[in-house]
Every structure is written in C-alpha cells, then in structure tokens.
Amino acid sequence: MKKVFLLAIALIGFTLTSNAQAIADNALGLRLGDSDGFGAEISYQRALADNNRLEFDLGWRDGNNYDGFKLAGLYQWVFPLDDMFNWYVGAGGGLGSFDYDNGTVSDSETFFFAAGDIGIEYNFDIPLLISLDFRPEIGFGDFNDDLDFDIALGIRYQF
C-alpha cells in the first residue's frame, strides 16, 4: 500500500510539473487593434509567477484636429493549451484623455474604463510571442461612456 501511495504522489507531481509552462519574465512589443480609434499600442508584460502576469498598454493617436492617449493595466492568468500555445484571461482598467479642436469647436475629456481580456498566444522557439485577444471595455466619461469591443493582434519580444 505504501508503494502505491508513493507511486501515486510521484505521478501527480510529474503530471503537474510537466504541464506547467513558465511564461517569460518580460515581454515588450506592439498590440495592434481598433482600440476605439487609438490604433496601435505599446505593450509591456511582466511575469509575477509561473502563470500570472501584469500587462500595461499605452496607445496614442494624433491627427489634424485631435490627439489622445489611453493607458490600460491588466492582471492576467495564463494557462497552457499545448506545447507552445497558451490561453489567458484577465481583468483591469485604465484611463485616457482626448482633445478635439477643429477651429470652431473645442472639447477635452478624461475618461476611465474597466476591461476584461481573453486571448490565445503562441510562444516561438526564438524570443517572440504572438497573440490574439478580445478585450471588452466599459467606459465612464462623455467621450467613452459605453461598451467597446477591442480585438487586437500582439507581437512582443520576450526577455
């Protein structure tokens, strides 16, 4: 009985360690999506543990009559799917600012938002990570006061 118990403990331990896939300590790159008119974002990920990380994204847009920025922060849980594939979910929020001036009308707005995140990522043998995620955001402010669905492609260098 003692041998069966020790064998079961060893098998459980082997299974748990073989399924654990460590994520990179740091990843820096771009997140390319619609993001409610803010376009590309600079994206940074910082690992907290083997399957938890923080993600920070800064997007900005500058045009003839407007400029704006948006800063998002998310806490994510990462789960292995296959050898190099992971899926992840997360929650967080952020803030943004938007200035509009066409010569006759001028408006400025700072807004806050809450966000969720779900996505899939592929970790190449080289230090490159590519991801596709879906981020619903609910805004609080005149400029961003509704539900926005953001789908983006992320390309990050891992170090």
C-alpha atoms as a PDB file:
ATOM      1  CA  MET A   1       0.000   0.000   0.000  1.00  0.00           C
ATOM      2  CA  LYS A   2       2.853   2.353   0.877  1.00  0.00           C
ATOM      3  CA  LYS A   3       4.436   1.806  -2.588  1.00  0.00           C
ATOM      4  CA  VAL A   4       1.141   2.514  -4.373  1.00  0.00           C
ATOM      5  CA  PHE A   5       0.704   5.729  -2.369  1.00  0.00           C
ATOM      6  CA  LEU A   6       4.264   6.889  -3.153  1.00  0.00           C
ATOM      7  CA  LEU A   7       3.807   5.988  -6.828  1.00  0.00           C
ATOM      8  CA  ALA A   8       0.541   7.970  -6.972  1.00  0.00           C
ATOM      9  CA  ILE A   9       2.215  11.015  -5.362  1.00  0.00           C
ATOM     10  CA  ALA A  10       5.122  10.755  -7.828  1.00  0.00           C
ATOM     11  CA  LEU A  11       2.748  10.529 -10.829  1.00  0.00           C
ATOM     12  CA  ILE A  12       0.697  13.516  -9.647  1.00  0.00           C
ATOM     13  CA  GLY A  13       3.862  15.541  -9.107  1.00  0.00           C
ATOM     14  CA  PHE A  14       5.207  14.579 -12.537  1.00  0.00           C
ATOM     15  CA  THR A  15       1.903  15.492 -14.195  1.00  0.00           C
ATOM     16  CA  LEU A  16       1.754  18.894 -12.507  1.00  0.00           C
ATOM     17  CA  THR A  17       5.351  19.763 -13.340  1.00  0.00           C
ATOM     18  CA  SER A  18       5.132  18.545 -16.932  1.00  0.00           C
ATOM     19  CA  ASN A  19       2.045  20.691 -17.607  1.00  0.00           C
ATOM     20  CA  ALA A  20       3.498  23.820 -16.038  1.00  0.00           C
ATOM     21  CA  GLN A  21       4.902  26.173 -18.657  1.00  0.00           C
ATOM     22  CA  ALA A  22       6.748  29.199 -17.392  1.00  0.00           C
ATOM     23  CA  ILE A  23       5.997  32.480 -19.103  1.00  0.00           C
ATOM     24  CA  ALA A  24       8.717  34.998 -19.957  1.00  0.00           C
ATOM     25  CA  ASP A  25       9.793  37.399 -17.218  1.00  0.00           C
ATOM     26  CA  ASN A  26       9.309  40.391 -19.555  1.00  0.00           C
ATOM     27  CA  ALA A  27       7.793  40.963 -22.982  1.00  0.00           C
ATOM     28  CA  LEU A  28       7.741  44.247 -24.912  1.00  0.00           C
ATOM     29  CA  GLY A  29       6.081  44.944 -28.236  1.00  0.00           C
ATOM     30  CA  LEU A  30       3.017  46.212 -30.048  1.00  0.00           C
ATOM     31  CA  ARG A  31      -0.677  45.471 -29.698  1.00  0.00           C
ATOM     32  CA  LEU A  32      -2.408  46.273 -32.994  1.00  0.00           C
ATOM     33  CA  GLY A  33      -6.186  46.705 -32.857  1.00  0.00           C
ATOM     34  CA  ASP A  34      -9.040  49.149 -33.228  1.00  0.00           C
ATOM     35  CA  SER A  35      -8.993  50.253 -29.572  1.00  0.00           C
ATOM     36  CA  ASP A  36     -11.774  52.802 -30.091  1.00  0.00           C
ATOM     37  CA  GLY A  37      -9.754  54.913 -32.509  1.00  0.00           C
ATOM     38  CA  PHE A  38      -6.445  54.758 -30.651  1.00  0.00           C
ATOM     39  CA  GLY A  39      -4.864  52.201 -33.030  1.00  0.00           C
ATOM     40  CA  ALA A  40      -1.505  50.671 -32.133  1.00  0.00           C
ATOM     41  CA  GLU A  41      -0.422  50.411 -28.509  1.00  0.00           C
ATOM     42  CA  ILE A  42       2.976  49.852 -26.925  1.00  0.00           C
ATOM     43  CA  SER A  43       2.552  46.758 -24.765  1.00  0.00           C
ATOM     44  CA  TYR A  44       4.631  45.527 -21.815  1.00  0.00           C
ATOM     45  CA  GLN A  45       4.085  42.286 -19.889  1.00  0.00           C
ATOM     46  CA  ARG A  46       5.725  41.449 -16.552  1.00  0.00           C
ATOM     47  CA  ALA A  47       5.527  37.931 -15.076  1.00  0.00           C
ATOM     48  CA  LEU A  48       4.542  37.669 -11.421  1.00  0.00           C
ATOM     49  CA  ALA A  49       4.635  33.864 -11.166  1.00  0.00           C
ATOM     50  CA  ASP A  50       4.685  30.851 -13.493  1.00  0.00           C
ATOM     51  CA  ASN A  51       1.144  31.555 -14.706  1.00  0.00           C
ATOM     52  CA  ASN A  52       0.312  35.141 -13.660  1.00  0.00           C
ATOM     53  CA  ARG A  53       1.427  38.441 -15.174  1.00  0.00           C
ATOM     54  CA  LEU A  54       0.677  42.133 -15.474  1.00  0.00           C
ATOM     55  CA  GLU A  55       0.152  43.815 -18.835  1.00  0.00           C
ATOM     56  CA  PHE A  56       0.399  47.548 -19.457  1.00  0.00           C
ATOM     57  CA  ASP A  57      -0.607  49.122 -22.784  1.00  0.00           C
ATOM     58  CA  LEU A  58      -0.159  52.723 -23.923  1.00  0.00           C
ATOM     59  CA  GLY A  59      -1.945  53.834 -27.056  1.00  0.00           C
ATOM     60  CA  TRP A  60      -1.985  57.287 -28.561  1.00  0.00           C
ATOM     61  CA  ARG A  61      -3.334  58.979 -31.625  1.00  0.00           C
ATOM     62  CA  ASP A  62      -2.520  62.370 -33.118  1.00  0.00           C
ATOM     63  CA  GLY A  63      -4.358  63.915 -36.054  1.00  0.00           C
ATOM     64  CA  ASN A  64      -5.072  67.314 -37.596  1.00  0.00           C
ATOM     65  CA  ASN A  65      -7.922  68.152 -35.224  1.00  0.00           C
ATOM     66  CA  TYR A  66      -7.445  65.762 -32.329  1.00  0.00           C
ATOM     67  CA  ASP A  67      -4.996  63.922 -30.122  1.00  0.00           C
ATOM     68  CA  GLY A  68      -5.435  61.422 -27.345  1.00  0.00           C
ATOM     69  CA  PHE A  69      -3.893  58.705 -25.242  1.00  0.00           C
ATOM     70  CA  LYS A  70      -5.130  55.622 -23.462  1.00  0.00           C
ATOM     71  CA  LEU A  71      -3.335  53.681 -20.694  1.00  0.00           C
ATOM     72  CA  ALA A  72      -4.565  50.199 -19.733  1.00  0.00           C
ATOM     73  CA  GLY A  73      -3.398  47.842 -16.979  1.00  0.00           C
ATOM     74  CA  LEU A  74      -4.498  44.205 -16.696  1.00  0.00           C
ATOM     75  CA  TYR A  75      -3.839  41.263 -14.387  1.00  0.00           C
ATOM     76  CA  GLN A  76      -3.754  38.018 -16.390  1.00  0.00           C
ATOM     77  CA  TRP A  77      -3.887  34.296 -15.641  1.00  0.00           C
ATOM     78  CA  VAL A  78      -2.083  32.157 -18.247  1.00  0.00           C
ATOM     79  CA  PHE A  79      -2.984  28.500 -18.933  1.00  0.00           C
ATOM     80  CA  PRO A  80      -1.097  26.083 -21.225  1.00  0.00           C
ATOM     81  CA  LEU A  81      -3.023  24.558 -24.127  1.00  0.00           C
ATOM     82  CA  ASP A  82      -0.312  22.693 -25.996  1.00  0.00           C
ATOM     83  CA  ASP A  83       3.464  22.707 -26.238  1.00  0.00           C
ATOM     84  CA  MET A  84       3.833  26.334 -27.385  1.00  0.00           C
ATOM     85  CA  PHE A  85       0.209  27.571 -27.118  1.00  0.00           C
ATOM     86  CA  ASN A  86      -1.305  29.313 -24.086  1.00  0.00           C
ATOM     87  CA  TRP A  87      -4.649  30.907 -23.438  1.00  0.00           C
ATOM     88  CA  TYR A  88      -5.208  33.660 -20.898  1.00  0.00           C
ATOM     89  CA  VAL A  89      -7.891  35.678 -19.169  1.00  0.00           C
ATOM     90  CA  GLY A  90      -7.557  38.916 -17.293  1.00  0.00           C
ATOM     91  CA  ALA A  91      -9.220  41.920 -15.749  1.00  0.00           C
ATOM     92  CA  GLY A  92      -8.189  45.513 -15.178  1.00  0.00           C
ATOM     93  CA  GLY A  93      -8.867  49.037 -16.271  1.00  0.00           C
ATOM     94  CA  GLY A  94      -7.302  52.304 -17.224  1.00  0.00           C
ATOM     95  CA  LEU A  95      -7.673  55.927 -18.151  1.00  0.00           C
ATOM     96  CA  GLY A  96      -7.477  58.046 -21.249  1.00  0.00           C
ATOM     97  CA  SER A  97      -7.683  61.591 -22.487  1.00  0.00           C
ATOM     98  CA  PHE A  98      -8.982  63.015 -25.744  1.00  0.00           C
ATOM     99  CA  ASP A  99      -8.640  66.592 -27.079  1.00  0.00           C
ATOM    100  CA  TYR A 100     -10.563  67.832 -30.111  1.00  0.00           C
ATOM    101  CA  ASP A 101     -10.196  71.230 -31.773  1.00  0.00           C
ATOM    102  CA  ASN A 102     -11.293  71.990 -35.355  1.00  0.00           C
ATOM    103  CA  GLY A 103     -11.064  75.779 -35.087  1.00  0.00           C
ATOM    104  CA  THR A 104     -14.730  76.336 -34.181  1.00  0.00           C
ATOM    105  CA  VAL A 105     -15.404  73.550 -31.686  1.00  0.00           C
ATOM    106  CA  SER A 106     -13.003  72.597 -28.919  1.00  0.00           C
ATOM    107  CA  ASP A 107     -13.508  69.753 -26.441  1.00  0.00           C
ATOM    108  CA  SER A 108     -11.360  67.876 -23.959  1.00  0.00           C
ATOM    109  CA  GLU A 109     -12.271  64.774 -21.964  1.00  0.00           C
ATOM    110  CA  THR A 110     -10.574  62.454 -19.494  1.00  0.00           C
ATOM    111  CA  PHE A 111     -12.241  59.089 -19.039  1.00  0.00           C
ATOM    112  CA  PHE A 112     -11.830  55.898 -17.034  1.00  0.00           C
ATOM    113  CA  PHE A 113     -12.691  52.374 -18.110  1.00  0.00           C
ATOM    114  CA  ALA A 114     -12.901  48.816 -16.774  1.00  0.00           C
ATOM    115  CA  ALA A 115     -11.720  45.999 -19.019  1.00  0.00           C
ATOM    116  CA  GLY A 116     -11.698  42.246 -19.328  1.00  0.00           C
ATOM    117  CA  ASP A 117      -9.363  40.237 -21.528  1.00  0.00           C
ATOM    118  CA  ILE A 118      -9.332  36.776 -23.102  1.00  0.00           C
ATOM    119  CA  GLY A 119      -6.871  35.555 -25.690  1.00  0.00           C
ATOM    120  CA  ILE A 120      -4.590  32.949 -27.146  1.00  0.00           C
ATOM    121  CA  GLU A 121      -0.832  33.198 -27.675  1.00  0.00           C
ATOM    122  CA  TYR A 122       1.937  31.279 -29.398  1.00  0.00           C
ATOM    123  CA  ASN A 123       5.437  31.248 -27.924  1.00  0.00           C
ATOM    124  CA  PHE A 124       8.049  30.676 -30.659  1.00  0.00           C
ATOM    125  CA  ASP A 125      11.409  28.960 -30.046  1.00  0.00           C
ATOM    126  CA  ILE A 126      13.009  32.360 -30.644  1.00  0.00           C
ATOM    127  CA  PRO A 127      12.129  35.089 -28.104  1.00  0.00           C
ATOM    128  CA  LEU A 128       8.961  36.099 -29.987  1.00  0.00           C
ATOM    129  CA  LEU A 129       5.388  35.935 -28.719  1.00  0.00           C
ATOM    130  CA  ILE A 130       2.349  36.462 -30.949  1.00  0.00           C
ATOM    131  CA  SER A 131      -1.155  36.778 -29.524  1.00  0.00           C
ATOM    132  CA  LEU A 132      -4.749  37.453 -30.488  1.00  0.00           C
ATOM    133  CA  ASP A 133      -7.059  38.807 -27.808  1.00  0.00           C
ATOM    134  CA  PHE A 134     -10.538  40.150 -27.234  1.00  0.00           C
ATOM    135  CA  ARG A 135     -10.915  42.992 -24.722  1.00  0.00           C
ATOM    136  CA  PRO A 136     -14.381  44.292 -23.798  1.00  0.00           C
ATOM    137  CA  GLU A 137     -14.189  47.727 -22.155  1.00  0.00           C
ATOM    138  CA  ILE A 138     -16.857  49.763 -20.419  1.00  0.00           C
ATOM    139  CA  GLY A 139     -16.110  53.463 -20.209  1.00  0.00           C
ATOM    140  CA  PHE A 140     -17.034  56.136 -17.692  1.00  0.00           C
ATOM    141  CA  GLY A 141     -16.997  59.622 -19.227  1.00  0.00           C
ATOM    142  CA  ASP A 142     -18.642  61.633 -22.025  1.00  0.00           C
ATOM    143  CA  PHE A 143     -16.189  60.565 -24.744  1.00  0.00           C
ATOM    144  CA  ASN A 144     -16.159  56.885 -23.764  1.00  0.00           C
ATOM    145  CA  ASP A 145     -19.421  56.084 -21.981  1.00  0.00           C
ATOM    146  CA  ASP A 146     -20.461  52.759 -23.459  1.00  0.00           C
ATOM    147  CA  LEU A 147     -19.314  49.193 -24.093  1.00  0.00           C
ATOM    148  CA  ASP A 148     -16.474  48.827 -26.597  1.00  0.00           C
ATOM    149  CA  PHE A 149     -15.186  45.552 -28.033  1.00  0.00           C
ATOM    150  CA  ASP A 150     -11.492  45.616 -28.895  1.00  0.00           C
ATOM    151  CA  ILE A 151      -9.852  42.798 -30.879  1.00  0.00           C
ATOM    152  CA  ALA A 152      -6.084  43.021 -31.344  1.00  0.00           C
ATOM    153  CA  LEU A 153      -3.012  41.196 -32.591  1.00  0.00           C
ATOM    154  CA  GLY A 154       0.011  41.398 -30.317  1.00  0.00           C
ATOM    155  CA  ILE A 155       3.657  40.940 -31.292  1.00  0.00           C
ATOM    156  CA  ARG A 156       6.152  41.018 -28.413  1.00  0.00           C
ATOM    157  CA  TYR A 157       9.852  40.383 -27.835  1.00  0.00           C
ATOM    158  CA  GLN A 158      10.486  38.271 -24.717  1.00  0.00           C
ATOM    159  CA  PHE A 159      13.425  38.808 -22.384  1.00  0.00           C
END
